[in-house]
Amino acid sequence: MSAGTILLAEDDPNDVILFQRALERASWSAGSVNVVRDGEEAISQHGLLVQNFVAYATKFCTGSDRTG
């Protein structure tokens, strides 16, 4: 299975390695894994992407749009 880029917010380098190994074992071929240290860094580097994902996830999980 393959996918695009994964944005991983993780501050522990060991957990990053664990995540990458899990992807390999699952035969998941990500285009790349972009690692940031925390949510603030994720938003500052990928703000619009993260905001759009949160809006989509909220709508998907709750069945409603809570953006306004």
N, C-alpha and C. Protein backbone atom coordinates (compact mmCIF):
# COMPACT_ATOMS: atom_id res chain seq x y z
N MET A 1 0.85 -1.17 0.00
CA MET A 1 0.00 0.00 0.00
C MET A 1 0.90 1.23 0.00
N SER A 2 0.48 2.26 -0.66
CA SER A 2 1.28 3.48 -0.68
C SER A 2 0.40 4.68 -0.38
N ALA A 3 1.04 5.75 0.05
CA ALA A 3 0.33 6.97 0.38
C ALA A 3 1.25 8.15 0.13
N GLY A 4 0.74 9.33 0.35
CA GLY A 4 1.53 10.54 0.19
C GLY A 4 2.38 10.79 1.41
N THR A 5 2.63 12.04 1.68
CA THR A 5 3.47 12.43 2.80
C THR A 5 2.71 12.33 4.12
N ILE A 6 3.39 11.84 5.14
CA ILE A 6 2.82 11.76 6.48
C ILE A 6 3.46 12.85 7.33
N LEU A 7 2.64 13.61 8.04
CA LEU A 7 3.12 14.61 8.98
C LEU A 7 3.03 14.00 10.37
N LEU A 8 4.19 13.79 11.00
CA LEU A 8 4.26 13.17 12.32
C LEU A 8 4.77 14.19 13.33
N ALA A 9 3.93 14.52 14.33
CA ALA A 9 4.34 15.42 15.41
C ALA A 9 4.79 14.55 16.58
N GLU A 10 6.09 14.46 16.78
CA GLU A 10 6.64 13.58 17.82
C GLU A 10 7.96 14.16 18.32
N ASP A 11 8.11 14.27 19.64
CA ASP A 11 9.33 14.85 20.19
C ASP A 11 10.36 13.82 20.64
N ASP A 12 10.00 12.56 20.62
CA ASP A 12 10.93 11.50 21.06
C ASP A 12 11.50 10.78 19.83
N PRO A 13 12.81 10.90 19.59
CA PRO A 13 13.42 10.26 18.41
C PRO A 13 13.20 8.75 18.38
N ASN A 14 13.12 8.11 19.55
CA ASN A 14 12.88 6.67 19.58
C ASN A 14 11.49 6.33 19.06
N ASP A 15 10.51 7.18 19.36
CA ASP A 15 9.16 6.95 18.85
C ASP A 15 9.08 7.16 17.34
N VAL A 16 9.88 8.09 16.83
CA VAL A 16 9.93 8.29 15.38
C VAL A 16 10.45 7.02 14.70
N ILE A 17 11.51 6.46 15.24
CA ILE A 17 12.07 5.21 14.69
C ILE A 17 11.04 4.09 14.79
N LEU A 18 10.37 3.99 15.91
CA LEU A 18 9.33 2.97 16.11
C LEU A 18 8.23 3.13 15.07
N PHE A 19 7.81 4.36 14.82
CA PHE A 19 6.77 4.64 13.83
C PHE A 19 7.22 4.22 12.43
N GLN A 20 8.45 4.57 12.09
CA GLN A 20 8.97 4.21 10.76
C GLN A 20 9.09 2.70 10.60
N ARG A 21 9.49 2.02 11.64
CA ARG A 21 9.57 0.55 11.59
C ARG A 21 8.18 -0.06 11.43
N ALA A 22 7.21 0.51 12.12
CA ALA A 22 5.83 0.01 12.00
C ALA A 22 5.32 0.16 10.57
N LEU A 23 5.65 1.29 9.94
CA LEU A 23 5.26 1.48 8.53
C LEU A 23 5.90 0.42 7.64
N GLU A 24 7.18 0.16 7.88
CA GLU A 24 7.89 -0.85 7.09
C GLU A 24 7.27 -2.23 7.27
N ARG A 25 7.00 -2.60 8.51
CA ARG A 25 6.41 -3.92 8.79
C ARG A 25 5.02 -4.07 8.20
N ALA A 26 4.31 -2.97 8.10
CA ALA A 26 2.96 -3.00 7.52
C ALA A 26 3.01 -2.90 6.00
N SER A 27 4.22 -2.84 5.45
CA SER A 27 4.42 -2.66 4.01
C SER A 27 3.73 -1.41 3.50
N TRP A 28 3.78 -0.37 4.30
CA TRP A 28 3.17 0.91 3.95
C TRP A 28 4.27 1.79 3.39
N SER A 29 4.15 2.14 2.13
CA SER A 29 5.18 2.93 1.47
C SER A 29 4.74 4.38 1.40
N ALA A 30 5.11 5.14 2.41
CA ALA A 30 4.78 6.57 2.41
C ALA A 30 5.75 7.28 1.49
N GLY A 31 5.27 8.30 0.81
CA GLY A 31 6.15 9.09 -0.03
C GLY A 31 7.28 9.66 0.80
N SER A 32 6.95 10.17 1.98
CA SER A 32 7.93 10.65 2.94
C SER A 32 7.24 10.84 4.28
N VAL A 33 8.05 10.90 5.32
CA VAL A 33 7.54 11.18 6.65
C VAL A 33 8.19 12.49 7.08
N ASN A 34 7.38 13.51 7.28
CA ASN A 34 7.86 14.81 7.72
C ASN A 34 7.66 14.88 9.22
N VAL A 35 8.76 14.91 9.98
CA VAL A 35 8.69 14.87 11.44
C VAL A 35 8.88 16.28 12.00
N VAL A 36 7.96 16.69 12.86
CA VAL A 36 8.07 17.94 13.61
C VAL A 36 8.01 17.59 15.09
N ARG A 37 8.49 18.48 15.93
CA ARG A 37 8.62 18.17 17.35
C ARG A 37 7.32 18.28 18.14
N ASP A 38 6.39 19.12 17.69
CA ASP A 38 5.15 19.28 18.44
C ASP A 38 4.07 19.90 17.55
N GLY A 39 2.90 20.04 18.12
CA GLY A 39 1.77 20.58 17.37
C GLY A 39 1.99 22.00 16.91
N GLU A 40 2.65 22.81 17.74
CA GLU A 40 2.91 24.20 17.34
C GLU A 40 3.78 24.26 16.10
N GLU A 41 4.82 23.42 16.06
CA GLU A 41 5.69 23.39 14.88
C GLU A 41 4.93 22.89 13.66
N ALA A 42 4.06 21.93 13.86
CA ALA A 42 3.25 21.41 12.75
C ALA A 42 2.39 22.52 12.16
N ILE A 43 1.76 23.30 13.04
CA ILE A 43 0.88 24.37 12.56
C ILE A 43 1.70 25.49 11.93
N SER A 44 2.85 25.84 12.51
CA SER A 44 3.64 26.92 11.94
C SER A 44 4.22 26.55 10.57
N GLN A 45 4.58 25.27 10.38
CA GLN A 45 5.15 24.85 9.11
C GLN A 45 4.09 24.41 8.10
N HIS A 46 2.99 23.89 8.60
CA HIS A 46 1.98 23.31 7.72
C HIS A 46 0.59 23.79 8.14
N GLY A 47 0.47 25.04 8.50
CA GLY A 47 -0.75 25.58 9.09
C GLY A 47 -2.03 25.27 8.35
N LEU A 48 -2.11 25.60 7.08
CA LEU A 48 -3.34 25.39 6.34
C LEU A 48 -3.65 23.91 6.22
N LEU A 49 -2.64 23.10 5.98
CA LEU A 49 -2.84 21.65 5.88
C LEU A 49 -3.41 21.10 7.19
N VAL A 50 -2.83 21.50 8.32
CA VAL A 50 -3.29 21.01 9.62
C VAL A 50 -4.70 21.51 9.91
N GLN A 51 -4.98 22.77 9.64
CA GLN A 51 -6.31 23.30 9.89
C GLN A 51 -7.36 22.59 9.05
N ASN A 52 -7.05 22.34 7.79
CA ASN A 52 -8.00 21.62 6.93
C ASN A 52 -8.22 20.20 7.43
N PHE A 53 -7.16 19.53 7.89
CA PHE A 53 -7.30 18.18 8.41
C PHE A 53 -8.17 18.15 9.66
N VAL A 54 -7.94 19.09 10.57
CA VAL A 54 -8.73 19.13 11.80
C VAL A 54 -10.20 19.37 11.47
N ALA A 55 -10.48 20.27 10.54
CA ALA A 55 -11.87 20.52 10.15
C ALA A 55 -12.49 19.27 9.54
N TYR A 56 -11.75 18.58 8.68
CA TYR A 56 -12.25 17.35 8.06
C TYR A 56 -12.47 16.26 9.11
N ALA A 57 -11.49 16.08 10.00
CA ALA A 57 -11.60 15.03 11.02
C ALA A 57 -12.77 15.30 11.95
N THR A 58 -12.98 16.55 12.31
CA THR A 58 -14.10 16.90 13.17
C THR A 58 -15.42 16.57 12.50
N LYS A 59 -15.52 16.94 11.24
CA LYS A 59 -16.75 16.66 10.50
C LYS A 59 -16.96 15.16 10.34
N PHE A 60 -15.90 14.43 10.04
CA PHE A 60 -16.00 12.99 9.85
C PHE A 60 -16.38 12.28 11.15
N CYS A 61 -15.74 12.65 12.24
CA CYS A 61 -15.95 11.95 13.51
C CYS A 61 -17.28 12.31 14.19
N THR A 62 -17.76 13.51 13.99
CA THR A 62 -18.95 13.95 14.68
C THR A 62 -20.17 13.99 13.77
N GLY A 63 -19.93 13.98 12.48
CA GLY A 63 -21.04 14.10 11.53
C GLY A 63 -21.54 15.53 11.39
N SER A 64 -20.80 16.47 11.98
CA SER A 64 -21.20 17.88 11.87
C SER A 64 -20.00 18.74 11.57
N ASP A 65 -20.27 19.94 11.14
CA ASP A 65 -19.21 20.90 10.81
C ASP A 65 -19.15 21.92 11.94
N ARG A 66 -18.07 21.89 12.71
CA ARG A 66 -17.92 22.82 13.85
C ARG A 66 -16.98 23.95 13.54
N THR A 67 -16.84 24.33 12.30
CA THR A 67 -15.90 25.39 11.95
C THR A 67 -16.51 26.77 12.10
N GLY A 68 -17.78 26.88 12.37
CA GLY A 68 -18.34 28.22 12.46
C GLY A 68 -19.44 28.36 13.37
